[in-house]
Amino acid sequence: MDAKVKTAESGDVNALLREIGARAKAAAKVLALADATKKSAALRAAAKALRDDTAKILKANAEDIADAKKNGAAVAFIDRLMLDEKRIAAMAEGVETVAEIADPVGQVTAAWDRPNGLKIERVRTPLGVIAVVYESRPNVTADAGALAFKAGNAVILRGGSDSFRSARAIHEAMACGIASQGLPADAIQLVPTRDRAAVGLLLSGLDGMVDVVVPRGGKSLVGRVQAEAKVPVFAHLEGVCHVYVNAPADLDMAKKIVLNAKMRRTGVCGAAETLLVDKKLAGSHLKPLVEMLIEAGCEVRGDEATKKIDSRVVAAKEDDWSAEYLDAIISVGVVDGINAAVDHIGRYGSHHTDSIVTDDAEAAEAFLNRVDSAIVLHNASTQFADGGEFGFGGEIGIATGRLHARGPVGAEQLTSFKYRIRGTGQTRPG
């Protein structure tokens, strides 16, 4: 245990976090002006360090796994926590992918000339210092660190207690790789304590040293961050995602999309939790869709119309329509047209991801325009709610707020902007 951990666990967490914040602020100033090529080289070096330190990371992870099993952790939790050579290789590849995407910093997003001769540009700039608070997935240490770094930000990572050793080993590799290329290792820092007081201090903003907070974890963590943070938060509380099958719709396509949206991975935030079927399709599409889901091992909780077509359907209760199951369970209902579907999603959804399956281009455009979610799709699975699938190289999370970042938060979304104005001596008339 190093000196910083001892200091934190002896009660001086406040001083420790302020020291980390000050170092992050200083690193952010350097990184904001760093050459894009140099940042990419640093990330490639970080990826190499992850591969070189595989044995060390696995040893740390084995200790975390042993503690989790001793404490009676569920099998699903152990799986999220577990690392192996394949997962570490994937983590390194993810860092390399981020290294190769276009650098958002300095990009001119708009430019125009004024009648008085002023030339105005809007240009992307880093946010500054980002705090990422996450739970049991140790790979977030590398994913979040790489994306924040690519966008010219310093990042303070506070991982879960259960993955403490794993995250520390990953962080040490990342910091070593970055430093080897002449950029500040303090650009990516990990809070070296399990003390829960550290989270509250990060949420306070550390007297202006933290600019944005990103939570990665369950509903209780995200809810706490959104309730207590004194700085902007990029997050979503729930992923109550819908697939609406609108008439006319190809049945085979609908089955393919619905099955993937629900069952590809039931525990991700982009998994469909409700299936809505147009009343006009109830006679042709509802039964085969429900039978397909049940045969795939999914419990169906349905309205009266859905219950009638299969005795295995469980009666849906009112709170089922707003439930984020994160499991092999789906609520299914029949709606009378697109207006009813949009109203249902607006009432029960979480503004995360919603999809329409239809051959009617006009209905599809209406859905895409009227559903107020961060991600809306036509004839595609909700499980495309992922920064990697958007071509962002990864994501630090998905945001459902309406300000700044919305949808997958990649490197580009981790920037702000400023205006650069060039003149030739202009002054404003009195």
Foldseek 3Di string as FASTA:
>chain_A
DDPLQVCVVVPVVLVSLLVLLVLQQVLLVVLQPDDLLLLLQLLLLLLVLLLVCVVVLQVLLVVLLVVCVVVPHDPVLSVQQDDDNVNSNVLSVLSNLLSPDDQQFFDFPDWDADPVGKIKTKGWTFQEEEEEEEERRLSLLSNVLSQNSSLSYQYEYEYHPSNLSSNVSSLVSSLVSNVVSPRHSSSRHYNNYNDPVNVLCVLACSVVSHAEYEYYYALVRVVVSVVRHPHHYFAFNAQAEEEEEAPPFDQVLVLVQLCCLCPVQLQDSLRHAEYEYEPVCLVPRLLVNVVSLVVVVAAEAEDPSNCVNDVSHHHDDPCSLQDSPSDRYHYYYYDHDLVRVLVSCVVRPRLAEYEYGYPDPVSRVVCVVRRRHLYYYYSHHSVCQWCVSVVLSGASHAGGDDPQDHGGHGSNSSIDIDMDMDDDDDDDDD
